[in-house]
């Protein structure tokens, strides 16, 4: 499934008014069986809920940035071979945060 910005068909720098307008536009399109909507009513509701809450929106933005970086960069073999095999203790809170985000947002 697409990210919430793609579901509502808005840019990531959209303000709350634009998010609300896009939500109502997509709800109308989906509920009246608009041809080519390509999204479900649940996806529209979830995207709106994620993007209207500042905390959840920050988590979504961070996860999207992380996903973009992981797709864009491929580490050379020599760098991969030198990575530590054990996790540092300070990595645990970050991993818990992203695992919570992934449970809240099933399409990331």
N, C-alpha and C. Protein backbone atom coordinates (compact mmCIF):
# COMPACT_ATOMS: atom_id res chain seq x y z
N UNK A 1 0.84 -1.18 0.00
CA UNK A 1 0.00 0.00 0.00
C UNK A 1 0.89 1.25 0.00
N UNK A 2 0.39 2.32 -0.52
CA UNK A 2 1.14 3.57 -0.65
C UNK A 2 1.24 4.31 0.67
N UNK A 3 2.10 5.30 0.69
CA UNK A 3 2.22 6.09 1.91
C UNK A 3 1.03 7.05 2.03
N UNK A 4 0.79 7.64 3.21
CA UNK A 4 -0.41 8.46 3.42
C UNK A 4 -0.48 9.67 2.48
N UNK A 5 0.67 10.20 2.10
CA UNK A 5 0.66 11.34 1.20
C UNK A 5 0.16 10.93 -0.19
N UNK A 6 0.52 9.73 -0.62
CA UNK A 6 0.05 9.24 -1.90
C UNK A 6 -1.42 8.88 -1.85
N UNK A 7 -1.87 8.36 -0.72
CA UNK A 7 -3.29 8.01 -0.58
C UNK A 7 -4.16 9.25 -0.72
N UNK A 8 -3.76 10.34 -0.04
CA UNK A 8 -4.54 11.58 -0.10
C UNK A 8 -4.17 12.46 -1.29
N UNK A 9 -3.14 12.02 -2.03
CA UNK A 9 -2.69 12.76 -3.23
C UNK A 9 -2.30 14.20 -2.90
N UNK A 10 -1.41 14.32 -1.89
CA UNK A 10 -0.90 15.63 -1.48
C UNK A 10 0.62 15.56 -1.38
N UNK A 11 1.23 16.72 -1.26
CA UNK A 11 2.68 16.82 -1.09
C UNK A 11 3.03 16.69 0.39
N UNK A 12 4.23 16.23 0.73
CA UNK A 12 4.62 16.09 2.14
C UNK A 12 4.67 17.41 2.91
N UNK A 13 4.78 18.54 2.22
CA UNK A 13 4.83 19.82 2.93
C UNK A 13 3.46 20.48 3.03
N UNK A 14 2.39 19.73 2.84
CA UNK A 14 1.03 20.28 2.90
C UNK A 14 0.67 20.70 4.31
N UNK A 15 -0.10 21.78 4.41
CA UNK A 15 -0.53 22.25 5.72
C UNK A 15 -1.82 21.53 6.13
N UNK A 16 -2.25 21.67 7.39
CA UNK A 16 -3.44 20.94 7.87
C UNK A 16 -4.71 21.22 7.06
N UNK A 17 -4.88 22.44 6.57
CA UNK A 17 -6.07 22.74 5.76
C UNK A 17 -6.06 21.95 4.45
N UNK A 18 -4.91 21.85 3.83
CA UNK A 18 -4.80 21.09 2.59
C UNK A 18 -5.04 19.60 2.84
N UNK A 19 -4.57 19.11 3.99
CA UNK A 19 -4.79 17.70 4.34
C UNK A 19 -6.28 17.44 4.52
N UNK A 20 -6.95 18.34 5.21
CA UNK A 20 -8.39 18.16 5.43
C UNK A 20 -9.17 18.23 4.12
N UNK A 21 -8.82 19.17 3.26
CA UNK A 21 -9.49 19.27 1.95
C UNK A 21 -9.27 18.00 1.13
N UNK A 22 -8.04 17.50 1.13
CA UNK A 22 -7.74 16.28 0.38
C UNK A 22 -8.50 15.09 0.97
N UNK A 23 -8.60 15.04 2.29
CA UNK A 23 -9.33 13.96 2.94
C UNK A 23 -10.79 13.94 2.49
N UNK A 24 -11.44 15.11 2.53
CA UNK A 24 -12.85 15.18 2.14
C UNK A 24 -13.03 14.87 0.65
N UNK A 25 -12.10 15.33 -0.17
CA UNK A 25 -12.16 15.04 -1.60
C UNK A 25 -12.04 13.53 -1.85
N UNK A 26 -11.07 12.88 -1.19
CA UNK A 26 -10.87 11.45 -1.38
C UNK A 26 -12.02 10.63 -0.79
N UNK A 27 -12.56 11.06 0.35
CA UNK A 27 -13.70 10.36 0.95
C UNK A 27 -14.88 10.39 -0.01
N UNK A 28 -15.12 11.54 -0.60
CA UNK A 28 -16.22 11.67 -1.55
C UNK A 28 -15.98 10.78 -2.77
N UNK A 29 -14.75 10.79 -3.26
CA UNK A 29 -14.42 10.00 -4.43
C UNK A 29 -14.58 8.50 -4.15
N UNK A 30 -14.10 8.06 -2.99
CA UNK A 30 -14.16 6.64 -2.65
C UNK A 30 -15.58 6.21 -2.28
N UNK A 31 -16.30 7.02 -1.50
CA UNK A 31 -17.62 6.60 -1.05
C UNK A 31 -18.65 6.60 -2.17
N UNK A 32 -18.47 7.44 -3.16
CA UNK A 32 -19.40 7.44 -4.29
C UNK A 32 -18.93 6.54 -5.42
N UNK A 33 -17.93 5.73 -5.16
CA UNK A 33 -17.46 4.77 -6.14
C UNK A 33 -16.79 5.42 -7.33
N UNK A 34 -16.00 6.44 -7.03
CA UNK A 34 -15.30 7.14 -8.10
C UNK A 34 -14.38 6.22 -8.88
N UNK A 35 -14.46 6.30 -10.17
CA UNK A 35 -13.64 5.43 -11.02
C UNK A 35 -12.17 5.82 -10.89
N UNK A 36 -11.33 4.83 -10.72
CA UNK A 36 -9.90 5.07 -10.68
C UNK A 36 -9.38 5.58 -9.35
N UNK A 37 -10.18 5.50 -8.29
CA UNK A 37 -9.69 5.97 -7.00
C UNK A 37 -8.51 5.12 -6.55
N UNK A 38 -8.63 3.82 -6.67
CA UNK A 38 -7.52 2.93 -6.37
C UNK A 38 -7.19 2.80 -4.90
N UNK A 39 -7.98 3.39 -4.02
CA UNK A 39 -7.74 3.27 -2.58
C UNK A 39 -9.05 2.92 -1.89
N UNK A 40 -8.93 2.37 -0.71
CA UNK A 40 -10.12 2.01 0.05
C UNK A 40 -10.46 3.11 1.04
N UNK A 41 -11.66 3.03 1.55
CA UNK A 41 -12.11 4.01 2.54
C UNK A 41 -11.26 3.92 3.81
N UNK A 42 -10.87 2.71 4.17
CA UNK A 42 -10.03 2.52 5.35
C UNK A 42 -8.66 3.17 5.16
N UNK A 43 -8.10 3.06 3.97
CA UNK A 43 -6.80 3.67 3.70
C UNK A 43 -6.87 5.18 3.80
N UNK A 44 -7.96 5.76 3.30
CA UNK A 44 -8.13 7.21 3.38
C UNK A 44 -8.26 7.65 4.83
N UNK A 45 -9.06 6.92 5.62
CA UNK A 45 -9.23 7.27 7.03
C UNK A 45 -7.92 7.14 7.80
N UNK A 46 -7.16 6.08 7.53
CA UNK A 46 -5.89 5.87 8.21
C UNK A 46 -4.89 6.97 7.84
N UNK A 47 -4.83 7.32 6.57
CA UNK A 47 -3.91 8.37 6.14
C UNK A 47 -4.26 9.69 6.80
N UNK A 48 -5.54 10.00 6.89
CA UNK A 48 -5.96 11.25 7.53
C UNK A 48 -5.61 11.25 9.01
N UNK A 49 -5.84 10.13 9.68
CA UNK A 49 -5.52 10.03 11.11
C UNK A 49 -4.03 10.19 11.36
N UNK A 50 -3.21 9.63 10.49
CA UNK A 50 -1.76 9.73 10.66
C UNK A 50 -1.25 11.14 10.40
N UNK A 51 -1.80 11.81 9.42
CA UNK A 51 -1.27 13.11 9.03
C UNK A 51 -1.84 14.27 9.83
N UNK A 52 -2.94 14.09 10.53
CA UNK A 52 -3.48 15.18 11.34
C UNK A 52 -2.89 15.21 12.75
N UNK A 53 -2.35 14.11 13.21
CA UNK A 53 -1.69 14.07 14.51
C UNK A 53 -0.21 14.41 14.31
N UNK A 54 0.29 15.51 14.90
CA UNK A 54 1.68 15.93 14.65
C UNK A 54 2.71 14.86 15.02
N UNK A 55 2.49 14.14 16.10
CA UNK A 55 3.45 13.12 16.51
C UNK A 55 3.50 11.98 15.50
N UNK A 56 2.33 11.49 15.10
CA UNK A 56 2.29 10.40 14.13
C UNK A 56 2.82 10.84 12.77
N UNK A 57 2.54 12.10 12.42
CA UNK A 57 3.06 12.60 11.14
C UNK A 57 4.58 12.65 11.15
N UNK A 58 5.16 13.06 12.28
CA UNK A 58 6.62 13.08 12.40
C UNK A 58 7.19 11.67 12.28
N UNK A 59 6.51 10.69 12.88
CA UNK A 59 6.97 9.30 12.78
C UNK A 59 6.88 8.79 11.34
N UNK A 60 5.79 9.13 10.66
CA UNK A 60 5.64 8.72 9.26
C UNK A 60 6.72 9.35 8.41
N UNK A 61 6.97 10.65 8.61
CA UNK A 61 8.00 11.34 7.83
C UNK A 61 9.37 10.72 8.07
N UNK A 62 9.66 10.39 9.33
CA UNK A 62 10.95 9.78 9.65
C UNK A 62 11.08 8.41 8.99
N UNK A 63 10.02 7.63 9.02
CA UNK A 63 10.06 6.31 8.40
C UNK A 63 10.20 6.41 6.88
N UNK A 64 9.54 7.39 6.28
CA UNK A 64 9.66 7.57 4.83
C UNK A 64 11.07 8.02 4.44
N UNK A 65 11.65 8.91 5.26
CA UNK A 65 13.04 9.33 5.00
C UNK A 65 13.99 8.15 5.13
N UNK A 66 13.78 7.33 6.16
CA UNK A 66 14.64 6.17 6.36
C UNK A 66 14.51 5.20 5.19
N UNK A 67 13.28 4.98 4.73
CA UNK A 67 13.06 4.07 3.61
C UNK A 67 13.69 4.62 2.33
N UNK A 68 13.58 5.94 2.11
CA UNK A 68 14.19 6.54 0.93
C UNK A 68 15.71 6.41 0.96
N UNK A 69 16.29 6.64 2.15
CA UNK A 69 17.75 6.52 2.28
C UNK A 69 18.20 5.08 2.06
N UNK A 70 17.47 4.13 2.59
CA UNK A 70 17.89 2.73 2.45
C UNK A 70 17.78 2.27 1.00
N UNK A 71 16.86 2.82 0.25
CA UNK A 71 16.75 2.46 -1.17
C UNK A 71 17.82 3.16 -2.00
N UNK A 72 18.19 4.37 -1.59
CA UNK A 72 19.10 5.18 -2.40
C UNK A 72 20.57 4.80 -2.19
N UNK A 73 20.90 4.33 -1.02
CA UNK A 73 22.31 4.05 -0.74
C UNK A 73 22.55 2.56 -0.59
N UNK A 74 23.56 2.10 -1.24
CA UNK A 74 23.99 0.71 -1.11
C UNK A 74 25.44 0.74 -0.64
N UNK A 75 25.69 0.17 0.50
CA UNK A 75 27.03 0.21 1.06
C UNK A 75 27.96 -0.73 0.29
N UNK A 76 29.19 -0.28 0.06
CA UNK A 76 30.15 -1.17 -0.58
C UNK A 76 30.45 -2.38 0.31
N UNK A 77 30.93 -3.44 -0.27
CA UNK A 77 31.20 -4.68 0.45
C UNK A 77 32.19 -4.45 1.58
N UNK A 78 33.21 -3.63 1.37
CA UNK A 78 34.21 -3.41 2.42
C UNK A 78 33.61 -2.74 3.64
N UNK A 79 32.63 -1.85 3.44
CA UNK A 79 31.98 -1.20 4.57
C UNK A 79 31.09 -2.19 5.30
N UNK A 80 30.38 -3.01 4.57
CA UNK A 80 29.51 -4.00 5.20
C UNK A 80 30.33 -4.98 6.03
N UNK A 81 31.50 -5.37 5.56
CA UNK A 81 32.33 -6.32 6.29
C UNK A 81 32.85 -5.74 7.59
N UNK A 82 32.97 -4.41 7.70
CA UNK A 82 33.52 -3.80 8.90
C UNK A 82 32.44 -3.39 9.90
N UNK A 83 31.16 -3.58 9.58
CA UNK A 83 30.11 -3.21 10.51
C UNK A 83 30.15 -4.12 11.74
N UNK A 84 29.86 -3.57 12.93
CA UNK A 84 29.86 -4.40 14.13
C UNK A 84 28.72 -5.41 14.08
N UNK A 85 28.96 -6.57 14.65
CA UNK A 85 27.96 -7.63 14.61
C UNK A 85 26.99 -7.54 15.77
N UNK A 86 27.38 -6.88 16.86
CA UNK A 86 26.49 -6.75 18.00
C UNK A 86 25.93 -5.33 18.03
N UNK A 87 24.71 -5.23 18.55
CA UNK A 87 24.06 -3.93 18.66
C UNK A 87 24.59 -3.18 19.86
N UNK A 88 24.62 -1.88 19.72
CA UNK A 88 24.97 -1.04 20.86
C UNK A 88 23.73 -0.89 21.74
N UNK A 89 23.90 -0.65 23.03
CA UNK A 89 22.73 -0.49 23.91
C UNK A 89 21.86 0.70 23.54
N UNK A 90 22.46 1.76 22.97
CA UNK A 90 21.66 2.95 22.65
C UNK A 90 20.82 2.77 21.38
N UNK A 91 20.98 1.68 20.63
CA UNK A 91 20.17 1.43 19.44
C UNK A 91 18.79 0.90 19.79
N UNK A 92 18.62 0.33 20.97
CA UNK A 92 17.36 -0.30 21.33
C UNK A 92 16.17 0.66 21.31
N UNK A 93 16.26 1.88 21.90
CA UNK A 93 15.09 2.77 21.86
C UNK A 93 14.69 3.16 20.44
N UNK A 94 15.65 3.37 19.57
CA UNK A 94 15.33 3.73 18.19
C UNK A 94 14.61 2.58 17.49
N UNK A 95 15.08 1.35 17.72
CA UNK A 95 14.45 0.20 17.09
C UNK A 95 13.04 -0.01 17.62
N UNK A 96 12.83 0.23 18.91
CA UNK A 96 11.49 0.09 19.47
C UNK A 96 10.55 1.13 18.87
N UNK A 97 11.05 2.36 18.68
CA UNK A 97 10.24 3.42 18.10
C UNK A 97 9.78 3.04 16.70
N UNK A 98 10.71 2.54 15.87
CA UNK A 98 10.35 2.19 14.51
C UNK A 98 9.48 0.94 14.46
N UNK A 99 9.66 0.01 15.39
CA UNK A 99 8.79 -1.17 15.39
C UNK A 99 7.37 -0.76 15.80
N UNK A 100 7.24 0.21 16.72
CA UNK A 100 5.91 0.72 17.08
C UNK A 100 5.28 1.41 15.90
N UNK A 101 6.07 2.17 15.17
CA UNK A 101 5.55 2.86 14.00
C UNK A 101 5.05 1.86 12.96
N UNK A 102 5.82 0.81 12.74
CA UNK A 102 5.43 -0.17 11.74
C UNK A 102 4.17 -0.92 12.14
N UNK A 103 3.95 -1.09 13.44
CA UNK A 103 2.71 -1.72 13.88
C UNK A 103 1.53 -0.79 13.68
N UNK A 104 1.74 0.53 13.87
CA UNK A 104 0.66 1.50 13.68
C UNK A 104 0.34 1.70 12.21
N UNK A 105 1.38 1.63 11.36
CA UNK A 105 1.22 1.93 9.94
C UNK A 105 1.54 0.66 9.17
N UNK A 106 0.56 -0.14 8.82
CA UNK A 106 0.84 -1.43 8.19
C UNK A 106 1.39 -1.33 6.77
N UNK A 107 1.32 -0.16 6.14
CA UNK A 107 1.75 -0.09 4.75
C UNK A 107 3.16 0.41 4.56
N UNK A 108 3.89 0.66 5.63
CA UNK A 108 5.28 1.11 5.48
C UNK A 108 6.22 -0.06 5.43
